[in-house]
Amino acid sequence: MSQYLLTVHHDYYQDVPSGREIPELYDAVSKFNESIADKIVFGGGLEAPHTATVVANHDGQTVVTDGPYAETKEAVGGFWVVEVPDLDAAIEMASRATVACRAPIEVRPFESE
């Protein structure tokens, strides 16, 4: 078995779902989560990028700044770490996740030991 990171890339500048779309979206993601519960190592949704804090080292000094590290249209909105047999299984899982989340899903393997 191998572990993969599935990241949800959310466009924070597009129209945010409203009204009945929000419960429908949450329901779809919840059902997807239930369908992969036995393969999830860890996962969760993230707050919007403006809530981020960046910590960096500059010449031996810790520098803390507000906001996201990268100014970009899309940012990671959530993720799963899953354990599946191979990349094909991870891609199949991501193909269902992209429908549930209504957003692109990036699949990346963890480095093997």
N, C-alpha and C. Protein backbone atom coordinates (compact mmCIF):
# COMPACT_ATOMS: atom_id res chain seq x y z
N MET A 1 0.85 -1.18 0.00
CA MET A 1 0.00 0.00 0.00
C MET A 1 0.89 1.25 0.00
N SER A 2 0.41 2.26 -0.66
CA SER A 2 1.12 3.53 -0.75
C SER A 2 0.23 4.66 -0.24
N GLN A 3 0.87 5.71 0.23
CA GLN A 3 0.11 6.87 0.68
C GLN A 3 0.20 7.98 -0.35
N TYR A 4 -0.94 8.65 -0.54
CA TYR A 4 -1.04 9.76 -1.49
C TYR A 4 -1.72 10.94 -0.80
N LEU A 5 -1.31 12.13 -1.22
CA LEU A 5 -1.95 13.35 -0.78
C LEU A 5 -2.89 13.80 -1.89
N LEU A 6 -4.16 13.92 -1.57
CA LEU A 6 -5.16 14.44 -2.50
C LEU A 6 -5.52 15.83 -2.00
N THR A 7 -5.20 16.86 -2.79
CA THR A 7 -5.49 18.23 -2.37
C THR A 7 -6.58 18.83 -3.23
N VAL A 8 -7.47 19.53 -2.57
CA VAL A 8 -8.56 20.23 -3.24
C VAL A 8 -8.08 21.65 -3.52
N HIS A 9 -8.10 22.04 -4.79
CA HIS A 9 -7.68 23.39 -5.17
C HIS A 9 -8.92 24.24 -5.39
N HIS A 10 -9.09 25.21 -4.51
CA HIS A 10 -10.29 26.03 -4.51
C HIS A 10 -9.97 27.42 -5.05
N ASP A 11 -10.81 27.92 -5.92
CA ASP A 11 -10.68 29.27 -6.44
C ASP A 11 -11.42 30.21 -5.49
N TYR A 12 -10.68 30.94 -4.67
CA TYR A 12 -11.29 31.80 -3.67
C TYR A 12 -11.84 33.10 -4.26
N TYR A 13 -11.65 33.31 -5.57
CA TYR A 13 -12.17 34.52 -6.21
C TYR A 13 -13.46 34.25 -6.98
N GLN A 14 -13.80 33.00 -7.17
CA GLN A 14 -15.04 32.69 -7.88
C GLN A 14 -16.22 32.90 -6.95
N ASP A 15 -17.39 32.88 -7.52
CA ASP A 15 -18.59 33.04 -6.70
C ASP A 15 -18.67 31.91 -5.69
N VAL A 16 -18.88 32.26 -4.45
CA VAL A 16 -19.01 31.27 -3.38
C VAL A 16 -20.41 30.68 -3.44
N PRO A 17 -20.53 29.35 -3.31
CA PRO A 17 -21.86 28.75 -3.31
C PRO A 17 -22.74 29.38 -2.22
N SER A 18 -24.00 29.49 -2.51
CA SER A 18 -24.90 30.08 -1.54
C SER A 18 -26.21 29.30 -1.52
N GLY A 19 -27.07 29.69 -0.59
CA GLY A 19 -28.39 29.07 -0.51
C GLY A 19 -28.30 27.58 -0.35
N ARG A 20 -29.08 26.87 -1.15
CA ARG A 20 -29.14 25.41 -1.01
C ARG A 20 -27.90 24.71 -1.59
N GLU A 21 -27.06 25.45 -2.34
CA GLU A 21 -25.84 24.84 -2.89
C GLU A 21 -24.88 24.41 -1.79
N ILE A 22 -24.80 25.17 -0.72
CA ILE A 22 -23.86 24.85 0.35
C ILE A 22 -24.20 23.51 1.01
N PRO A 23 -25.44 23.29 1.46
CA PRO A 23 -25.76 21.98 2.04
C PRO A 23 -25.56 20.84 1.03
N GLU A 24 -25.86 21.07 -0.24
CA GLU A 24 -25.66 20.04 -1.27
C GLU A 24 -24.18 19.70 -1.40
N LEU A 25 -23.33 20.73 -1.40
CA LEU A 25 -21.89 20.52 -1.50
C LEU A 25 -21.38 19.76 -0.28
N TYR A 26 -21.76 20.20 0.91
CA TYR A 26 -21.32 19.52 2.12
C TYR A 26 -21.81 18.07 2.17
N ASP A 27 -23.03 17.84 1.70
CA ASP A 27 -23.58 16.49 1.67
C ASP A 27 -22.78 15.61 0.71
N ALA A 28 -22.45 16.14 -0.46
CA ALA A 28 -21.68 15.37 -1.45
C ALA A 28 -20.30 15.02 -0.91
N VAL A 29 -19.64 15.97 -0.26
CA VAL A 29 -18.31 15.72 0.30
C VAL A 29 -18.42 14.73 1.46
N SER A 30 -19.44 14.86 2.28
CA SER A 30 -19.64 13.94 3.40
C SER A 30 -19.84 12.51 2.90
N LYS A 31 -20.65 12.35 1.86
CA LYS A 31 -20.87 11.02 1.28
C LYS A 31 -19.58 10.46 0.68
N PHE A 32 -18.80 11.32 0.02
CA PHE A 32 -17.51 10.87 -0.51
C PHE A 32 -16.61 10.42 0.64
N ASN A 33 -16.53 11.22 1.70
CA ASN A 33 -15.70 10.86 2.86
C ASN A 33 -16.12 9.50 3.43
N GLU A 34 -17.42 9.27 3.53
CA GLU A 34 -17.91 7.99 4.04
C GLU A 34 -17.47 6.85 3.12
N SER A 35 -17.46 7.10 1.81
CA SER A 35 -17.12 6.03 0.86
C SER A 35 -15.64 5.65 0.90
N ILE A 36 -14.79 6.54 1.42
CA ILE A 36 -13.36 6.24 1.48
C ILE A 36 -12.85 6.16 2.92
N ALA A 37 -13.75 6.10 3.88
CA ALA A 37 -13.37 6.13 5.30
C ALA A 37 -12.30 5.11 5.67
N ASP A 38 -12.35 3.94 5.06
CA ASP A 38 -11.37 2.90 5.39
C ASP A 38 -10.00 3.13 4.75
N LYS A 39 -9.88 4.16 3.91
CA LYS A 39 -8.62 4.46 3.25
C LYS A 39 -8.01 5.78 3.69
N ILE A 40 -8.76 6.57 4.47
CA ILE A 40 -8.26 7.87 4.93
C ILE A 40 -7.31 7.69 6.10
N VAL A 41 -6.11 8.24 5.96
CA VAL A 41 -5.16 8.31 7.07
C VAL A 41 -5.45 9.57 7.87
N PHE A 42 -5.67 10.67 7.15
CA PHE A 42 -6.00 11.95 7.76
C PHE A 42 -6.55 12.86 6.69
N GLY A 43 -7.39 13.79 7.06
CA GLY A 43 -7.90 14.76 6.09
C GLY A 43 -8.64 15.87 6.79
N GLY A 44 -8.91 16.92 6.02
CA GLY A 44 -9.67 18.02 6.59
C GLY A 44 -9.78 19.19 5.64
N GLY A 45 -10.70 20.07 5.94
CA GLY A 45 -10.88 21.30 5.18
C GLY A 45 -10.11 22.42 5.85
N LEU A 46 -9.70 23.39 5.06
CA LEU A 46 -8.92 24.51 5.58
C LEU A 46 -9.70 25.82 5.50
N GLU A 47 -9.40 26.72 6.40
CA GLU A 47 -9.97 28.06 6.35
C GLU A 47 -9.39 28.77 5.12
N ALA A 48 -9.97 29.90 4.76
CA ALA A 48 -9.53 30.67 3.59
C ALA A 48 -8.08 31.14 3.75
N PRO A 49 -7.38 31.35 2.64
CA PRO A 49 -5.96 31.74 2.69
C PRO A 49 -5.67 32.99 3.52
N HIS A 50 -6.60 33.93 3.60
CA HIS A 50 -6.32 35.15 4.36
C HIS A 50 -6.14 34.88 5.86
N THR A 51 -6.49 33.69 6.32
CA THR A 51 -6.31 33.34 7.72
C THR A 51 -4.92 32.76 8.01
N ALA A 52 -4.12 32.57 6.96
CA ALA A 52 -2.81 31.94 7.10
C ALA A 52 -1.81 32.86 7.80
N THR A 53 -0.83 32.23 8.42
CA THR A 53 0.33 32.90 8.99
C THR A 53 1.56 32.22 8.40
N VAL A 54 2.49 33.01 7.89
CA VAL A 54 3.71 32.45 7.30
C VAL A 54 4.86 32.69 8.26
N VAL A 55 5.60 31.63 8.54
CA VAL A 55 6.77 31.70 9.41
C VAL A 55 7.99 31.35 8.55
N ALA A 56 8.98 32.24 8.52
CA ALA A 56 10.17 32.01 7.70
C ALA A 56 11.42 32.39 8.50
N ASN A 57 12.55 31.87 8.05
CA ASN A 57 13.83 32.20 8.66
C ASN A 57 14.61 33.07 7.68
N HIS A 58 14.97 34.27 8.12
CA HIS A 58 15.77 35.19 7.32
C HIS A 58 17.02 35.56 8.11
N ASP A 59 18.15 35.05 7.66
CA ASP A 59 19.44 35.34 8.32
C ASP A 59 19.41 35.03 9.81
N GLY A 60 18.83 33.88 10.15
CA GLY A 60 18.80 33.44 11.54
C GLY A 60 17.69 34.04 12.38
N GLN A 61 16.86 34.88 11.79
CA GLN A 61 15.76 35.50 12.50
C GLN A 61 14.44 34.92 12.03
N THR A 62 13.57 34.63 12.96
CA THR A 62 12.23 34.18 12.61
C THR A 62 11.38 35.38 12.25
N VAL A 63 10.76 35.31 11.06
CA VAL A 63 9.89 36.39 10.60
C VAL A 63 8.49 35.82 10.43
N VAL A 64 7.51 36.46 11.05
CA VAL A 64 6.12 36.02 10.99
C VAL A 64 5.31 37.09 10.26
N THR A 65 4.58 36.65 9.21
CA THR A 65 3.74 37.59 8.46
C THR A 65 2.33 37.01 8.31
N ASP A 66 1.38 37.90 8.19
CA ASP A 66 -0.01 37.49 7.98
C ASP A 66 -0.25 37.20 6.51
N GLY A 67 -1.22 36.34 6.27
CA GLY A 67 -1.66 36.08 4.90
C GLY A 67 -0.96 34.90 4.28
N PRO A 68 -1.39 34.52 3.11
CA PRO A 68 -0.83 33.34 2.46
C PRO A 68 0.60 33.56 1.99
N TYR A 69 1.32 32.48 1.84
CA TYR A 69 2.70 32.53 1.35
C TYR A 69 2.73 33.02 -0.09
N ALA A 70 1.84 32.48 -0.91
CA ALA A 70 1.80 32.84 -2.32
C ALA A 70 0.50 33.58 -2.62
N GLU A 71 0.60 34.67 -3.34
CA GLU A 71 -0.58 35.38 -3.81
C GLU A 71 -1.01 34.70 -5.10
N THR A 72 -2.11 33.99 -5.05
CA THR A 72 -2.56 33.22 -6.20
C THR A 72 -4.08 33.16 -6.21
N LYS A 73 -4.62 32.91 -7.38
CA LYS A 73 -6.07 32.82 -7.53
C LYS A 73 -6.62 31.59 -6.81
N GLU A 74 -5.91 30.47 -6.94
CA GLU A 74 -6.36 29.23 -6.31
C GLU A 74 -5.44 28.85 -5.16
N ALA A 75 -6.00 28.22 -4.16
CA ALA A 75 -5.22 27.77 -3.01
C ALA A 75 -5.81 26.45 -2.52
N VAL A 76 -5.05 25.75 -1.72
CA VAL A 76 -5.52 24.48 -1.16
C VAL A 76 -6.66 24.79 -0.20
N GLY A 77 -7.79 24.12 -0.44
CA GLY A 77 -8.96 24.32 0.40
C GLY A 77 -9.19 23.17 1.35
N GLY A 78 -8.56 22.05 1.09
CA GLY A 78 -8.69 20.87 1.93
C GLY A 78 -7.84 19.75 1.36
N PHE A 79 -7.79 18.65 2.08
CA PHE A 79 -6.93 17.55 1.63
C PHE A 79 -7.31 16.25 2.32
N TRP A 80 -6.83 15.18 1.74
CA TRP A 80 -6.88 13.86 2.34
C TRP A 80 -5.52 13.22 2.18
N VAL A 81 -5.08 12.50 3.17
CA VAL A 81 -3.97 11.57 3.03
C VAL A 81 -4.63 10.21 3.01
N VAL A 82 -4.43 9.48 1.91
CA VAL A 82 -5.09 8.18 1.77
C VAL A 82 -4.05 7.09 1.56
N GLU A 83 -4.43 5.89 1.91
CA GLU A 83 -3.57 4.73 1.70
C GLU A 83 -4.31 3.79 0.77
N VAL A 84 -3.74 3.61 -0.42
CA VAL A 84 -4.34 2.79 -1.46
C VAL A 84 -3.25 1.97 -2.14
N PRO A 85 -3.64 0.96 -2.93
CA PRO A 85 -2.63 0.08 -3.53
C PRO A 85 -1.67 0.76 -4.49
N ASP A 86 -2.17 1.75 -5.28
CA ASP A 86 -1.31 2.33 -6.31
C ASP A 86 -1.88 3.65 -6.83
N LEU A 87 -1.16 4.27 -7.76
CA LEU A 87 -1.57 5.55 -8.32
C LEU A 87 -2.92 5.46 -9.02
N ASP A 88 -3.17 4.37 -9.70
CA ASP A 88 -4.46 4.21 -10.38
C ASP A 88 -5.62 4.29 -9.38
N ALA A 89 -5.46 3.67 -8.22
CA ALA A 89 -6.51 3.72 -7.20
C ALA A 89 -6.67 5.14 -6.65
N ALA A 90 -5.56 5.85 -6.50
CA ALA A 90 -5.61 7.23 -6.01
C ALA A 90 -6.30 8.13 -7.04
N ILE A 91 -6.02 7.92 -8.32
CA ILE A 91 -6.64 8.71 -9.37
C ILE A 91 -8.14 8.42 -9.44
N GLU A 92 -8.51 7.17 -9.28
CA GLU A 92 -9.94 6.83 -9.28
C GLU A 92 -10.64 7.54 -8.14
N MET A 93 -10.00 7.57 -6.99
CA MET A 93 -10.56 8.23 -5.82
C MET A 93 -10.68 9.74 -6.09
N ALA A 94 -9.65 10.32 -6.68
CA ALA A 94 -9.66 11.75 -7.00
C ALA A 94 -10.74 12.09 -8.02
N SER A 95 -11.02 11.16 -8.93
CA SER A 95 -12.07 11.42 -9.93
C SER A 95 -13.44 11.54 -9.28
N ARG A 96 -13.64 10.84 -8.18
CA ARG A 96 -14.89 10.98 -7.43
C ARG A 96 -14.87 12.22 -6.54
N ALA A 97 -13.69 12.55 -6.01
CA ALA A 97 -13.55 13.72 -5.14
C ALA A 97 -13.80 15.02 -5.90
N THR A 98 -13.34 15.09 -7.14
CA THR A 98 -13.52 16.32 -7.92
C THR A 98 -14.99 16.60 -8.19
N VAL A 99 -15.78 15.55 -8.33
CA VAL A 99 -17.23 15.71 -8.52
C VAL A 99 -17.86 16.20 -7.21
N ALA A 100 -17.49 15.57 -6.10
CA ALA A 100 -18.07 15.94 -4.81
C ALA A 100 -17.70 17.37 -4.41
N CYS A 101 -16.45 17.74 -4.62
CA CYS A 101 -15.96 19.06 -4.18
C CYS A 101 -16.20 20.17 -5.19
N ARG A 102 -16.50 19.78 -6.42
CA ARG A 102 -16.67 20.76 -7.50
C ARG A 102 -15.41 21.60 -7.68
N ALA A 103 -14.26 20.93 -7.57
CA ALA A 103 -12.97 21.61 -7.66
C ALA A 103 -11.91 20.61 -8.13
N PRO A 104 -10.82 21.10 -8.72
CA PRO A 104 -9.73 20.20 -9.12
C PRO A 104 -9.09 19.53 -7.91
N ILE A 105 -8.63 18.30 -8.13
CA ILE A 105 -7.94 17.53 -7.09
C ILE A 105 -6.56 17.17 -7.61
N GLU A 106 -5.54 17.50 -6.85
CA GLU A 106 -4.16 17.13 -7.21
C GLU A 106 -3.80 15.86 -6.43
N VAL A 107 -3.18 14.90 -7.12
CA VAL A 107 -2.77 13.63 -6.50
C VAL A 107 -1.24 13.59 -6.49
N ARG A 108 -0.67 13.43 -5.29
CA ARG A 108 0.79 13.35 -5.18
C ARG A 108 1.18 12.22 -4.23
N PRO A 109 2.12 11.40 -4.68
CA PRO A 109 2.58 10.32 -3.79
C PRO A 109 3.55 10.87 -2.74
N PHE A 110 3.56 10.23 -1.59
CA PHE A 110 4.56 10.54 -0.59
C PHE A 110 5.86 9.89 -1.00
N GLU A 111 6.98 10.46 -0.61
CA GLU A 111 8.26 9.85 -0.91
C GLU A 111 8.33 8.49 -0.25
N SER A 112 8.87 7.54 -0.99
CA SER A 112 9.01 6.21 -0.42
C SER A 112 10.33 6.15 0.35
N GLU A 113 10.35 5.29 1.33
CA GLU A 113 11.54 5.20 2.19
C GLU A 113 12.64 4.46 1.52
